[in-house]
Amino acid sequence: MSNDDAAGEVTESLKTIGAGVLSANDAFFCL
């Protein structure tokens, strides 16, 4: 695996985690 591939995997993971956090925040504030 090249460094670019690894960086892409990490970036995608962070995006997924970030989206999950934002969704959790939205749900929390909507309570």
C-alpha atoms as a PDB file:
ATOM      1  CA  MET A   1       0.000   0.000   0.000  1.00  0.00           C
ATOM      2  CA  SER A   2       1.371   3.416  -0.900  1.00  0.00           C
ATOM      3  CA  ASN A   3       1.436   6.357   1.464  1.00  0.00           C
ATOM      4  CA  ASP A   4      -1.260   8.062  -0.611  1.00  0.00           C
ATOM      5  CA  ASP A   5      -3.554   5.073  -0.157  1.00  0.00           C
ATOM      6  CA  ALA A   6      -2.935   5.036   3.592  1.00  0.00           C
ATOM      7  CA  ALA A   7      -3.586   8.774   3.848  1.00  0.00           C
ATOM      8  CA  GLY A   8      -6.789   8.348   1.868  1.00  0.00           C
ATOM      9  CA  GLU A   9      -7.956   5.589   4.214  1.00  0.00           C
ATOM     10  CA  VAL A  10      -7.265   7.760   7.261  1.00  0.00           C
ATOM     11  CA  THR A  11      -8.989  10.759   5.685  1.00  0.00           C
ATOM     12  CA  GLU A  12     -12.077   8.689   4.865  1.00  0.00           C
ATOM     13  CA  SER A  13     -12.129   7.304   8.410  1.00  0.00           C
ATOM     14  CA  LEU A  14     -11.904  10.791   9.891  1.00  0.00           C
ATOM     15  CA  LYS A  15     -14.685  12.013   7.590  1.00  0.00           C
ATOM     16  CA  THR A  16     -16.878   9.105   8.685  1.00  0.00           C
ATOM     17  CA  ILE A  17     -16.140   9.735  12.364  1.00  0.00           C
ATOM     18  CA  GLY A  18     -16.684  13.472  11.905  1.00  0.00           C
ATOM     19  CA  ALA A  19     -20.047  12.875  10.223  1.00  0.00           C
ATOM     20  CA  GLY A  20     -21.041  10.555  13.075  1.00  0.00           C
ATOM     21  CA  VAL A  21     -20.073  13.159  15.667  1.00  0.00           C
ATOM     22  CA  LEU A  22     -22.005  15.883  13.844  1.00  0.00           C
ATOM     23  CA  SER A  23     -25.055  13.611  13.613  1.00  0.00           C
ATOM     24  CA  ALA A  24     -24.788  12.833  17.331  1.00  0.00           C
ATOM     25  CA  ASN A  25     -24.545  16.547  18.132  1.00  0.00           C
ATOM     26  CA  ASP A  26     -27.589  17.315  15.967  1.00  0.00           C
ATOM     27  CA  ALA A  27     -29.574  14.549  17.651  1.00  0.00           C
ATOM     28  CA  PHE A  28     -28.489  15.746  21.105  1.00  0.00           C
ATOM     29  CA  PHE A  29     -29.453  19.373  20.475  1.00  0.00           C
ATOM     30  CA  CYS A  30     -32.805  18.281  19.025  1.00  0.00           C
ATOM     31  CA  LEU A  31     -33.798  16.518  22.250  1.00  0.00           C
END
